[in-house]
PDB file of N, CA and C in Angstrom:
ATOM      1  N   MET A   1     -63.463  31.212  29.801  1.00  0.00           N
ATOM      2  CA  MET A   1     -62.613  31.871  28.971  1.00  0.00           C
ATOM      3  C   MET A   1     -63.091  30.939  27.662  1.00  0.00           C
ATOM      4  N   ASN A   2     -63.075  32.048  26.360  1.00  0.00           N
ATOM      5  CA  ASN A   2     -63.013  31.523  25.102  1.00  0.00           C
ATOM      6  C   ASN A   2     -61.686  32.043  24.461  1.00  0.00           C
ATOM      7  N   LYS A   3     -61.856  31.316  23.423  1.00  0.00           N
ATOM      8  CA  LYS A   3     -60.699  31.494  22.658  1.00  0.00           C
ATOM      9  C   LYS A   3     -60.329  32.939  22.197  1.00  0.00           C
ATOM     10  N   SER A   4     -61.405  33.771  21.835  1.00  0.00           N
ATOM     11  CA  SER A   4     -61.418  35.565  21.495  1.00  0.00           C
ATOM     12  C   SER A   4     -60.997  36.012  22.567  1.00  0.00           C
ATOM     13  N   GLU A   5     -60.848  35.778  23.962  1.00  0.00           N
ATOM     14  CA  GLU A   5     -60.768  36.152  25.040  1.00  0.00           C
ATOM     15  C   GLU A   5     -59.167  35.903  25.395  1.00  0.00           C
ATOM     16  N   ALA A   6     -58.888  34.303  25.368  1.00  0.00           N
ATOM     17  CA  ALA A   6     -57.317  34.088  24.990  1.00  0.00           C
ATOM     18  C   ALA A   6     -56.608  34.979  24.164  1.00  0.00           C
ATOM     19  N   LEU A   7     -57.114  34.949  22.996  1.00  0.00           N
ATOM     20  CA  LEU A   7     -56.180  36.197  22.133  1.00  0.00           C
ATOM     21  C   LEU A   7     -56.089  37.338  22.676  1.00  0.00           C
ATOM     22  N   SER A   8     -57.139  37.734  22.993  1.00  0.00           N
ATOM     23  CA  SER A   8     -56.964  39.520  23.476  1.00  0.00           C
ATOM     24  C   SER A   8     -55.909  39.550  24.716  1.00  0.00           C
ATOM     25  N   LYS A   9     -56.346  38.501  25.559  1.00  0.00           N
ATOM     26  CA  LYS A   9     -55.376  38.497  27.057  1.00  0.00           C
ATOM     27  C   LYS A   9     -53.936  38.514  26.697  1.00  0.00           C
ATOM     28  N   ILE A  10     -53.564  37.349  25.675  1.00  0.00           N
ATOM     29  CA  ILE A  10     -52.190  37.441  24.926  1.00  0.00           C
ATOM     30  C   ILE A  10     -51.601  38.705  24.332  1.00  0.00           C
ATOM     31  N   LYS A  11     -52.761  39.149  23.221  1.00  0.00           N
ATOM     32  CA  LYS A  11     -52.214  40.179  22.791  1.00  0.00           C
ATOM     33  C   LYS A  11     -51.722  41.606  23.511  1.00  0.00           C
ATOM     34  N   ALA A  12     -52.575  41.691  24.442  1.00  0.00           N
ATOM     35  CA  ALA A  12     -52.447  42.720  25.214  1.00  0.00           C
ATOM     36  C   ALA A  12     -51.213  42.327  26.013  1.00  0.00           C
ATOM     37  N   ALA A  13     -50.893  41.425  26.551  1.00  0.00           N
ATOM     38  CA  ALA A  13     -49.515  40.976  27.158  1.00  0.00           C
ATOM     39  C   ALA A  13     -48.418  41.557  26.084  1.00  0.00           C
ATOM     40  N   LEU A  14     -48.276  40.795  24.910  1.00  0.00           N
ATOM     41  CA  LEU A  14     -47.408  41.550  23.770  1.00  0.00           C
ATOM     42  C   LEU A  14     -47.139  42.722  23.488  1.00  0.00           C
ATOM     43  N   THR A  15     -47.757  43.638  24.223  1.00  0.00           N
ATOM     44  CA  THR A  15     -47.448  45.003  24.091  1.00  0.00           C
ATOM     45  C   THR A  15     -46.126  45.591  24.878  1.00  0.00           C
ATOM     46  N   ARG A  16     -46.141  44.294  25.889  1.00  0.00           N
ATOM     47  CA  ARG A  16     -44.595  45.299  26.824  1.00  0.00           C
ATOM     48  C   ARG A  16     -43.485  44.389  26.212  1.00  0.00           C
ATOM     49  N   ASP A  17     -42.241  44.879  26.863  1.00  0.00           N
ATOM     50  CA  ASP A  17     -40.998  44.552  26.385  1.00  0.00           C
ATOM     51  C   ASP A  17     -40.996  42.931  26.756  1.00  0.00           C
ATOM     52  N   ALA A  18     -40.248  42.048  25.966  1.00  0.00           N
ATOM     53  CA  ALA A  18     -40.636  40.631  25.993  1.00  0.00           C
ATOM     54  C   ALA A  18     -38.903  40.363  26.584  1.00  0.00           C
ATOM     55  N   GLN A  19     -38.801  39.709  27.799  1.00  0.00           N
ATOM     56  CA  GLN A  19     -37.300  39.528  28.304  1.00  0.00           C
ATOM     57  C   GLN A  19     -36.959  38.281  28.104  1.00  0.00           C
ATOM     58  N   VAL A  20     -36.606  37.976  26.647  1.00  0.00           N
ATOM     59  CA  VAL A  20     -36.090  36.866  26.125  1.00  0.00           C
ATOM     60  C   VAL A  20     -34.964  37.227  25.299  1.00  0.00           C
ATOM     61  N   ILE A  21     -33.648  36.270  25.515  1.00  0.00           N
ATOM     62  CA  ILE A  21     -32.542  35.959  25.272  1.00  0.00           C
ATOM     63  C   ILE A  21     -32.665  35.857  23.229  1.00  0.00           C
ATOM     64  N   THR A  22     -32.119  36.878  22.791  1.00  0.00           N
ATOM     65  CA  THR A  22     -32.174  37.053  21.535  1.00  0.00           C
ATOM     66  C   THR A  22     -30.847  36.291  21.125  1.00  0.00           C
ATOM     67  N   PRO A  23     -31.280  34.940  20.204  1.00  0.00           N
ATOM     68  CA  PRO A  23     -30.155  34.209  19.591  1.00  0.00           C
ATOM     69  C   PRO A  23     -29.196  34.732  18.405  1.00  0.00           C
ATOM     70  N   LYS A  24     -28.132  34.450  18.646  1.00  0.00           N
ATOM     71  CA  LYS A  24     -26.756  35.188  17.889  1.00  0.00           C
ATOM     72  C   LYS A  24     -27.212  35.200  16.271  1.00  0.00           C
ATOM     73  N   GLY A  25     -26.850  36.323  15.888  1.00  0.00           N
ATOM     74  CA  GLY A  25     -27.411  36.031  14.478  1.00  0.00           C
ATOM     75  C   GLY A  25     -28.368  36.593  14.100  1.00  0.00           C
ATOM     76  N   GLU A  26     -29.623  36.785  14.806  1.00  0.00           N
ATOM     77  CA  GLU A  26     -31.064  37.235  15.094  1.00  0.00           C
ATOM     78  C   GLU A  26     -31.213  38.768  15.421  1.00  0.00           C
ATOM     79  N   THR A  27     -32.156  39.687  15.381  1.00  0.00           N
ATOM     80  CA  THR A  27     -32.323  40.878  16.133  1.00  0.00           C
ATOM     81  C   THR A  27     -33.346  40.557  16.811  1.00  0.00           C
ATOM     82  N   TYR A  28     -33.227  41.397  18.086  1.00  0.00           N
ATOM     83  CA  TYR A  28     -34.507  41.410  18.782  1.00  0.00           C
ATOM     84  C   TYR A  28     -35.703  41.506  18.565  1.00  0.00           C
ATOM     85  N   ASP A  29     -35.925  42.578  17.930  1.00  0.00           N
ATOM     86  CA  ASP A  29     -37.073  42.896  17.097  1.00  0.00           C
ATOM     87  C   ASP A  29     -37.860  41.407  16.376  1.00  0.00           C
ATOM     88  N   GLY A  30     -36.633  41.343  15.508  1.00  0.00           N
ATOM     89  CA  GLY A  30     -37.166  39.844  14.523  1.00  0.00           C
ATOM     90  C   GLY A  30     -37.341  38.642  15.213  1.00  0.00           C
ATOM     91  N   PHE A  31     -36.743  38.274  16.383  1.00  0.00           N
ATOM     92  CA  PHE A  31     -36.753  37.638  17.205  1.00  0.00           C
ATOM     93  C   PHE A  31     -38.475  37.322  17.866  1.00  0.00           C
ATOM     94  N   VAL A  32     -38.903  38.272  18.426  1.00  0.00           N
ATOM     95  CA  VAL A  32     -40.008  38.901  19.012  1.00  0.00           C
ATOM     96  C   VAL A  32     -41.079  38.450  18.431  1.00  0.00           C
ATOM     97  N   LYS A  33     -40.804  39.028  17.045  1.00  0.00           N
ATOM     98  CA  LYS A  33     -41.931  38.954  15.964  1.00  0.00           C
ATOM     99  C   LYS A  33     -41.974  37.523  15.821  1.00  0.00           C
ATOM    100  N   ALA A  34     -41.193  36.762  15.608  1.00  0.00           N
ATOM    101  CA  ALA A  34     -41.199  35.172  15.437  1.00  0.00           C
ATOM    102  C   ALA A  34     -41.922  34.537  16.137  1.00  0.00           C
ATOM    103  N   LEU A  35     -41.640  34.881  17.672  1.00  0.00           N
ATOM    104  CA  LEU A  35     -42.042  34.294  18.890  1.00  0.00           C
ATOM    105  C   LEU A  35     -43.732  34.410  19.172  1.00  0.00           C
ATOM    106  N   SER A  36     -44.141  35.543  18.729  1.00  0.00           N
ATOM    107  CA  SER A  36     -45.235  36.204  18.715  1.00  0.00           C
ATOM    108  C   SER A  36     -46.142  35.346  17.918  1.00  0.00           C
ATOM    109  N   LYS A  37     -45.610  35.531  16.438  1.00  0.00           N
ATOM    110  CA  LYS A  37     -46.264  34.827  15.523  1.00  0.00           C
ATOM    111  C   LYS A  37     -46.484  33.077  16.119  1.00  0.00           C
ATOM    112  N   ASP A  38     -45.408  32.320  16.192  1.00  0.00           N
ATOM    113  CA  ASP A  38     -45.581  31.080  16.949  1.00  0.00           C
ATOM    114  C   ASP A  38     -46.934  30.970  17.976  1.00  0.00           C
ATOM    115  N   LEU A  39     -46.628  31.810  18.846  1.00  0.00           N
ATOM    116  CA  LEU A  39     -47.561  31.676  19.814  1.00  0.00           C
ATOM    117  C   LEU A  39     -48.974  32.010  19.386  1.00  0.00           C
ATOM    118  N   LEU A  40     -49.282  32.947  18.812  1.00  0.00           N
ATOM    119  CA  LEU A  40     -50.957  33.258  18.451  1.00  0.00           C
ATOM    120  C   LEU A  40     -51.180  32.019  17.680  1.00  0.00           C
ATOM    121  N   VAL A  41     -50.243  31.427  16.597  1.00  0.00           N
ATOM    122  CA  VAL A  41     -50.929  30.337  15.992  1.00  0.00           C
ATOM    123  C   VAL A  41     -51.068  29.169  16.809  1.00  0.00           C
ATOM    124  N   SER A  42     -50.672  28.776  18.237  1.00  0.00           N
ATOM    125  CA  SER A  42     -50.573  27.792  18.760  1.00  0.00           C
ATOM    126  C   SER A  42     -52.100  28.068  20.022  1.00  0.00           C
ATOM    127  N   VAL A  43     -52.904  29.306  19.677  1.00  0.00           N
ATOM    128  CA  VAL A  43     -53.893  29.599  20.566  1.00  0.00           C
ATOM    129  C   VAL A  43     -54.633  28.453  20.489  1.00  0.00           C
ATOM    130  N   ILE A  44     -55.483  28.160  21.490  1.00  0.00           N
ATOM    131  CA  ILE A  44     -56.122  26.970  21.573  1.00  0.00           C
ATOM    132  C   ILE A  44     -57.330  27.461  21.879  1.00  0.00           C
ATOM    133  N   VAL A  45     -58.908  26.560  22.065  1.00  0.00           N
ATOM    134  CA  VAL A  45     -59.996  26.724  22.697  1.00  0.00           C
ATOM    135  C   VAL A  45     -59.543  26.401  23.761  1.00  0.00           C
ATOM    136  N   PRO A  46     -59.728  27.654  24.833  1.00  0.00           N
ATOM    137  CA  PRO A  46     -59.063  27.578  26.338  1.00  0.00           C
ATOM    138  C   PRO A  46     -60.047  26.273  26.855  1.00  0.00           C
ATOM    139  N   VAL A  47     -58.802  25.594  27.716  1.00  0.00           N
ATOM    140  CA  VAL A  47     -59.423  24.514  28.799  1.00  0.00           C
ATOM    141  C   VAL A  47     -58.995  24.602  30.356  1.00  0.00           C
ATOM    142  N   GLU A  48     -59.865  24.390  31.066  1.00  0.00           N
ATOM    143  CA  GLU A  48     -59.670  24.203  32.275  1.00  0.00           C
ATOM    144  C   GLU A  48     -58.507  23.386  32.580  1.00  0.00           C
ATOM    145  N   ALA A  49     -57.470  23.748  33.270  1.00  0.00           N
ATOM    146  CA  ALA A  49     -56.353  22.553  33.541  1.00  0.00           C
ATOM    147  C   ALA A  49     -55.782  22.732  34.960  1.00  0.00           C
ATOM    148  N   GLN A  50     -55.249  21.923  35.377  1.00  0.00           N
ATOM    149  CA  GLN A  50     -55.086  21.882  36.674  1.00  0.00           C
ATOM    150  C   GLN A  50     -53.336  21.471  36.607  1.00  0.00           C
ATOM    151  N   VAL A  51     -52.464  22.113  37.538  1.00  0.00           N
ATOM    152  CA  VAL A  51     -51.286  21.638  37.973  1.00  0.00           C
ATOM    153  C   VAL A  51     -50.858  20.542  39.068  1.00  0.00           C
ATOM    154  N   VAL A  52     -50.099  19.590  38.950  1.00  0.00           N
ATOM    155  CA  VAL A  52     -50.137  18.848  39.668  1.00  0.00           C
ATOM    156  C   VAL A  52     -48.680  18.397  40.482  1.00  0.00           C
ATOM    157  N   SER A  53     -47.690  19.144  39.761  1.00  0.00           N
ATOM    158  CA  SER A  53     -46.202  19.223  39.812  1.00  0.00           C
ATOM    159  C   SER A  53     -45.486  20.435  39.384  1.00  0.00           C
ATOM    160  N   THR A  54     -44.247  20.674  39.589  1.00  0.00           N
ATOM    161  CA  THR A  54     -43.443  21.473  38.887  1.00  0.00           C
ATOM    162  C   THR A  54     -42.329  20.980  39.082  1.00  0.00           C
ATOM    163  N   CYS A  55     -41.147  21.937  38.045  1.00  0.00           N
ATOM    164  CA  CYS A  55     -40.109  21.571  37.623  1.00  0.00           C
ATOM    165  C   CYS A  55     -39.077  22.049  38.814  1.00  0.00           C
ATOM    166  N   ALA A  56     -39.611  23.244  39.527  1.00  0.00           N
ATOM    167  CA  ALA A  56     -39.034  24.290  40.081  1.00  0.00           C
ATOM    168  C   ALA A  56     -39.119  24.557  41.078  1.00  0.00           C
ATOM    169  N   LYS A  57     -38.707  24.449  42.740  1.00  0.00           N
ATOM    170  CA  LYS A  57     -38.851  24.255  43.634  1.00  0.00           C
ATOM    171  C   LYS A  57     -38.794  26.104  44.008  1.00  0.00           C
ATOM    172  N   ASN A  58     -39.574  26.242  45.004  1.00  0.00           N
ATOM    173  CA  ASN A  58     -39.972  27.856  45.437  1.00  0.00           C
ATOM    174  C   ASN A  58     -40.386  28.793  44.591  1.00  0.00           C
ATOM    175  N   GLY A  59     -41.391  28.325  43.693  1.00  0.00           N
ATOM    176  CA  GLY A  59     -41.812  29.239  42.652  1.00  0.00           C
ATOM    177  C   GLY A  59     -42.939  29.269  42.969  1.00  0.00           C
ATOM    178  N   ASP A  60     -43.852  29.360  41.829  1.00  0.00           N
ATOM    179  CA  ASP A  60     -45.409  30.147  41.882  1.00  0.00           C
ATOM    180  C   ASP A  60     -46.334  28.786  41.867  1.00  0.00           C
ATOM    181  N   PHE A  61     -45.884  27.407  42.050  1.00  0.00           N
ATOM    182  CA  PHE A  61     -46.500  26.143  42.472  1.00  0.00           C
ATOM    183  C   PHE A  61     -47.830  26.196  42.640  1.00  0.00           C
ATOM    184  N   GLU A  62     -47.691  26.515  44.035  1.00  0.00           N
ATOM    185  CA  GLU A  62     -49.026  26.847  45.091  1.00  0.00           C
ATOM    186  C   GLU A  62     -50.098  27.338  44.665  1.00  0.00           C
ATOM    187  N   ARG A  63     -49.681  28.592  44.306  1.00  0.00           N
ATOM    188  CA  ARG A  63     -50.692  30.059  43.635  1.00  0.00           C
ATOM    189  C   ARG A  63     -51.492  29.201  42.340  1.00  0.00           C
ATOM    190  N   TYR A  64     -50.873  28.518  41.630  1.00  0.00           N
ATOM    191  CA  TYR A  64     -51.132  27.641  40.589  1.00  0.00           C
ATOM    192  C   TYR A  64     -51.944  26.656  40.842  1.00  0.00           C
ATOM    193  N   LYS A  65     -51.709  26.110  41.838  1.00  0.00           N
ATOM    194  CA  LYS A  65     -52.294  24.475  42.232  1.00  0.00           C
ATOM    195  C   LYS A  65     -53.753  24.926  43.018  1.00  0.00           C
ATOM    196  N   ASN A  66     -53.497  26.505  43.790  1.00  0.00           N
ATOM    197  CA  ASN A  66     -54.627  26.381  44.303  1.00  0.00           C
ATOM    198  C   ASN A  66     -55.919  27.635  43.687  1.00  0.00           C
ATOM    199  N   SER A  67     -55.645  27.589  42.198  1.00  0.00           N
ATOM    200  CA  SER A  67     -56.503  28.715  41.501  1.00  0.00           C
ATOM    201  C   SER A  67     -57.009  28.012  40.531  1.00  0.00           C
ATOM    202  N   LYS A  68     -57.934  28.940  39.626  1.00  0.00           N
ATOM    203  CA  LYS A  68     -58.943  28.512  38.543  1.00  0.00           C
ATOM    204  C   LYS A  68     -57.608  28.958  37.305  1.00  0.00           C
ATOM    205  N   ILE A  69     -57.055  27.803  36.680  1.00  0.00           N
ATOM    206  CA  ILE A  69     -56.334  28.234  35.793  1.00  0.00           C
ATOM    207  C   ILE A  69     -56.999  27.700  34.136  1.00  0.00           C
ATOM    208  N   TRP A  70     -56.436  28.046  33.133  1.00  0.00           N
ATOM    209  CA  TRP A  70     -56.809  27.995  31.718  1.00  0.00           C
ATOM    210  C   TRP A  70     -55.560  27.450  30.891  1.00  0.00           C
ATOM    211  N   ALA A  71     -55.625  26.546  29.968  1.00  0.00           N
ATOM    212  CA  ALA A  71     -54.695  26.317  29.389  1.00  0.00           C
ATOM    213  C   ALA A  71     -54.977  27.179  27.682  1.00  0.00           C
ATOM    214  N   ILE A  72     -54.107  27.959  27.452  1.00  0.00           N
ATOM    215  CA  ILE A  72     -54.695  28.869  26.314  1.00  0.00           C
ATOM    216  C   ILE A  72     -53.817  28.440  25.011  1.00  0.00           C
ATOM    217  N   ALA A  73     -52.790  28.070  25.211  1.00  0.00           N
ATOM    218  CA  ALA A  73     -51.821  27.724  23.798  1.00  0.00           C
ATOM    219  C   ALA A  73     -51.057  26.335  24.069  1.00  0.00           C
ATOM    220  N   LYS A  74     -51.115  25.650  22.971  1.00  0.00           N
ATOM    221  CA  LYS A  74     -50.469  24.403  23.134  1.00  0.00           C
ATOM    222  C   LYS A  74     -49.398  24.334  21.935  1.00  0.00           C
ATOM    223  N   SER A  75     -48.450  23.489  22.210  1.00  0.00           N
ATOM    224  CA  SER A  75     -47.643  23.096  21.160  1.00  0.00           C
ATOM    225  C   SER A  75     -46.768  21.879  21.599  1.00  0.00           C
ATOM    226  N   LYS A  76     -47.049  20.623  20.603  1.00  0.00           N
ATOM    227  CA  LYS A  76     -46.540  19.584  21.001  1.00  0.00           C
ATOM    228  C   LYS A  76     -46.972  19.138  22.701  1.00  0.00           C
ATOM    229  N   GLY A  77     -45.969  18.930  23.692  1.00  0.00           N
ATOM    230  CA  GLY A  77     -46.483  18.729  25.057  1.00  0.00           C
ATOM    231  C   GLY A  77     -46.294  19.739  25.864  1.00  0.00           C
ATOM    232  N   SER A  78     -46.266  21.078  25.418  1.00  0.00           N
ATOM    233  CA  SER A  78     -46.192  22.205  25.979  1.00  0.00           C
ATOM    234  C   SER A  78     -47.468  23.149  26.246  1.00  0.00           C
ATOM    235  N   TRP A  79     -48.137  23.984  27.418  1.00  0.00           N
ATOM    236  CA  TRP A  79     -48.997  24.537  27.392  1.00  0.00           C
ATOM    237  C   TRP A  79     -48.393  25.803  27.714  1.00  0.00           C
ATOM    238  N   LEU A  80     -49.216  27.005  27.506  1.00  0.00           N
ATOM    239  CA  LEU A  80     -49.235  28.181  28.089  1.00  0.00           C
ATOM    240  C   LEU A  80     -50.525  28.405  28.852  1.00  0.00           C
ATOM    241  N   LEU A  81     -50.156  28.198  30.326  1.00  0.00           N
ATOM    242  CA  LEU A  81     -51.779  28.439  31.307  1.00  0.00           C
ATOM    243  C   LEU A  81     -51.534  29.829  31.800  1.00  0.00           C
ATOM    244  N   THR A  82     -52.706  30.064  32.374  1.00  0.00           N
ATOM    245  CA  THR A  82     -53.037  31.685  32.586  1.00  0.00           C
ATOM    246  C   THR A  82     -53.934  31.446  33.991  1.00  0.00           C
ATOM    247  N   LEU A  83     -53.647  32.464  34.858  1.00  0.00           N
ATOM    248  CA  LEU A  83     -54.736  32.209  35.927  1.00  0.00           C
ATOM    249  C   LEU A  83     -55.563  33.156  35.652  1.00  0.00           C
ATOM    250  N   ASP A  84     -57.201  32.764  36.169  1.00  0.00           N
ATOM    251  CA  ASP A  84     -58.435  33.125  35.690  1.00  0.00           C
ATOM    252  C   ASP A  84     -58.166  34.504  36.212  1.00  0.00           C
ATOM    253  N   ASN A  85     -58.751  35.226  35.114  1.00  0.00           N
ATOM    254  CA  ASN A  85     -59.146  37.010  35.975  1.00  0.00           C
ATOM    255  C   ASN A  85     -57.390  37.608  36.237  1.00  0.00           C
ATOM    256  N   GLU A  86     -56.388  37.094  35.760  1.00  0.00           N
ATOM    257  CA  GLU A  86     -55.617  37.802  35.910  1.00  0.00           C
ATOM    258  C   GLU A  86     -54.491  37.794  34.990  1.00  0.00           C
ATOM    259  N   ASN A  87     -53.492  38.628  34.802  1.00  0.00           N
ATOM    260  CA  ASN A  87     -52.595  38.497  33.607  1.00  0.00           C
ATOM    261  C   ASN A  87     -51.035  38.086  34.120  1.00  0.00           C
ATOM    262  N   GLU A  88     -51.231  36.927  34.417  1.00  0.00           N
ATOM    263  CA  GLU A  88     -50.432  35.911  34.337  1.00  0.00           C
ATOM    264  C   GLU A  88     -50.107  34.565  33.822  1.00  0.00           C
ATOM    265  N   PHE A  89     -48.913  34.552  33.387  1.00  0.00           N
ATOM    266  CA  PHE A  89     -48.635  33.282  32.502  1.00  0.00           C
ATOM    267  C   PHE A  89     -47.645  32.660  33.037  1.00  0.00           C
ATOM    268  N   ALA A  90     -47.724  31.077  32.668  1.00  0.00           N
ATOM    269  CA  ALA A  90     -46.703  30.296  32.939  1.00  0.00           C
ATOM    270  C   ALA A  90     -46.730  29.164  31.796  1.00  0.00           C
ATOM    271  N   LEU A  91     -45.587  28.331  31.777  1.00  0.00           N
ATOM    272  CA  LEU A  91     -45.358  27.163  31.116  1.00  0.00           C
ATOM    273  C   LEU A  91     -45.523  25.954  31.846  1.00  0.00           C
ATOM    274  N   GLY A  92     -46.568  25.173  31.228  1.00  0.00           N
ATOM    275  CA  GLY A  92     -46.676  23.739  31.805  1.00  0.00           C
ATOM    276  C   GLY A  92     -46.290  22.677  30.624  1.00  0.00           C
ATOM    277  N   PHE A  93     -46.441  21.475  31.091  1.00  0.00           N
ATOM    278  CA  PHE A  93     -45.752  20.627  30.273  1.00  0.00           C
ATOM    279  C   PHE A  93     -46.918  19.101  30.124  1.00  0.00           C
ATOM    280  N   GLY A  94     -46.990  18.219  29.433  1.00  0.00           N
ATOM    281  CA  GLY A  94     -47.896  17.523  29.618  1.00  0.00           C
ATOM    282  C   GLY A  94     -48.849  17.051  28.610  1.00  0.00           C
ATOM    283  N   GLU A  95     -49.695  15.791  28.394  1.00  0.00           N
ATOM    284  CA  GLU A  95     -50.369  15.521  27.559  1.00  0.00           C
ATOM    285  C   GLU A  95     -51.864  15.590  27.625  1.00  0.00           C
ATOM    286  N   ASN A  96     -52.161  15.632  29.440  1.00  0.00           N
ATOM    287  CA  ASN A  96     -53.806  15.864  29.840  1.00  0.00           C
ATOM    288  C   ASN A  96     -53.618  17.075  30.491  1.00  0.00           C
ATOM    289  N   PRO A  97     -54.680  18.251  29.958  1.00  0.00           N
ATOM    290  CA  PRO A  97     -54.829  19.368  30.806  1.00  0.00           C
ATOM    291  C   PRO A  97     -55.001  19.165  32.341  1.00  0.00           C
ATOM    292  N   ASN A  98     -55.166  17.947  32.654  1.00  0.00           N
ATOM    293  CA  ASN A  98     -55.435  18.170  34.002  1.00  0.00           C
ATOM    294  C   ASN A  98     -54.324  17.368  34.680  1.00  0.00           C
ATOM    295  N   GLN A  99     -53.555  17.051  34.202  1.00  0.00           N
ATOM    296  CA  GLN A  99     -52.000  16.571  34.874  1.00  0.00           C
ATOM    297  C   GLN A  99     -50.856  17.208  34.263  1.00  0.00           C
ATOM    298  N   ILE A 100     -50.729  18.690  34.504  1.00  0.00           N
ATOM    299  CA  ILE A 100     -49.645  19.611  33.714  1.00  0.00           C
ATOM    300  C   ILE A 100     -48.608  19.522  35.174  1.00  0.00           C
ATOM    301  N   MET A 101     -47.301  19.310  34.623  1.00  0.00           N
ATOM    302  CA  MET A 101     -46.364  19.776  35.305  1.00  0.00           C
ATOM    303  C   MET A 101     -45.780  21.070  35.172  1.00  0.00           C
ATOM    304  N   MET A 102     -46.229  22.295  35.834  1.00  0.00           N
ATOM    305  CA  MET A 102     -45.725  23.515  35.750  1.00  0.00           C
ATOM    306  C   MET A 102     -44.205  23.488  35.584  1.00  0.00           C
ATOM    307  N   HIS A 103     -43.514  24.701  34.737  1.00  0.00           N
ATOM    308  CA  HIS A 103     -41.943  24.996  34.902  1.00  0.00           C
ATOM    309  C   HIS A 103     -41.657  25.517  36.045  1.00  0.00           C
ATOM    310  N   GLY A 104     -42.845  26.301  36.635  1.00  0.00           N
ATOM    311  CA  GLY A 104     -42.205  26.345  38.052  1.00  0.00           C
ATOM    312  C   GLY A 104     -42.362  28.072  38.326  1.00  0.00           C
ATOM    313  N   PHE A 105     -42.330  28.698  37.337  1.00  0.00           N
ATOM    314  CA  PHE A 105     -42.447  30.269  37.919  1.00  0.00           C
ATOM    315  C   PHE A 105     -43.549  31.071  37.027  1.00  0.00           C
ATOM    316  N   SER A 106     -43.852  32.027  37.151  1.00  0.00           N
ATOM    317  CA  SER A 106     -44.945  32.633  36.027  1.00  0.00           C
ATOM    318  C   SER A 106     -44.659  34.093  36.361  1.00  0.00           C
ATOM    319  N   SER A 107     -45.291  35.081  35.368  1.00  0.00           N
ATOM    320  CA  SER A 107     -44.884  36.283  35.401  1.00  0.00           C
ATOM    321  C   SER A 107     -45.961  36.998  34.020  1.00  0.00           C
ATOM    322  N   SER A 108     -45.993  38.234  34.145  1.00  0.00           N
ATOM    323  CA  SER A 108     -46.967  38.541  33.168  1.00  0.00           C
ATOM    324  C   SER A 108     -46.242  38.753  31.425  1.00  0.00           C
ATOM    325  N   ASP A 109     -44.808  38.534  31.608  1.00  0.00           N
ATOM    326  CA  ASP A 109     -44.284  38.410  29.972  1.00  0.00           C
ATOM    327  C   ASP A 109     -44.684  37.106  29.260  1.00  0.00           C
ATOM    328  N   VAL A 110     -45.792  37.234  28.921  1.00  0.00           N
ATOM    329  CA  VAL A 110     -46.124  36.023  28.106  1.00  0.00           C
ATOM    330  C   VAL A 110     -45.210  35.398  27.340  1.00  0.00           C
ATOM    331  N   LEU A 111     -44.113  36.088  26.390  1.00  0.00           N
ATOM    332  CA  LEU A 111     -43.002  35.564  25.481  1.00  0.00           C
ATOM    333  C   LEU A 111     -42.317  34.767  26.639  1.00  0.00           C
ATOM    334  N   ALA A 112     -42.005  35.388  27.224  1.00  0.00           N
ATOM    335  CA  ALA A 112     -40.759  34.882  28.348  1.00  0.00           C
ATOM    336  C   ALA A 112     -41.282  33.491  28.945  1.00  0.00           C
ATOM    337  N   GLU A 113     -42.342  33.378  29.158  1.00  0.00           N
ATOM    338  CA  GLU A 113     -42.840  32.379  29.692  1.00  0.00           C
ATOM    339  C   GLU A 113     -43.109  30.942  28.905  1.00  0.00           C
ATOM    340  N   TRP A 114     -43.730  31.463  27.372  1.00  0.00           N
ATOM    341  CA  TRP A 114     -43.990  30.523  26.133  1.00  0.00           C
ATOM    342  C   TRP A 114     -42.684  30.070  26.067  1.00  0.00           C
ATOM    343  N   CYS A 115     -41.733  30.957  25.848  1.00  0.00           N
ATOM    344  CA  CYS A 115     -40.222  30.041  25.123  1.00  0.00           C
ATOM    345  C   CYS A 115     -39.162  29.812  26.390  1.00  0.00           C
ATOM    346  N   THR A 116     -40.081  29.525  27.520  1.00  0.00           N
ATOM    347  CA  THR A 116     -38.795  29.228  28.603  1.00  0.00           C
ATOM    348  C   THR A 116     -38.424  27.903  28.220  1.00  0.00           C
TER     349      THR A 116
END
């Protein structure tokens, strides 16, 4: 996967209604626009990643642990992960892409995963 493919995958996922909680005093549309902008500027040249632990039990850890995954966006110690050839996204944490702690769950809702 290259950066252009990562951007395309994210942009395609942004066309869906995001399941995010709008902070008091903001509009849903404005909040989604701001989150989308933040995500798009955080896209990186994708690197293969490996999840080694999870924050939440009974989530999608095993699926990600046993699949080829890419880290496609990064902000501070947070990574946006995606399954190779699938429209699934998850949030991970850590400094090393080969030692990611996964939040625990994944979905096709890229913004919901990014701002978990």
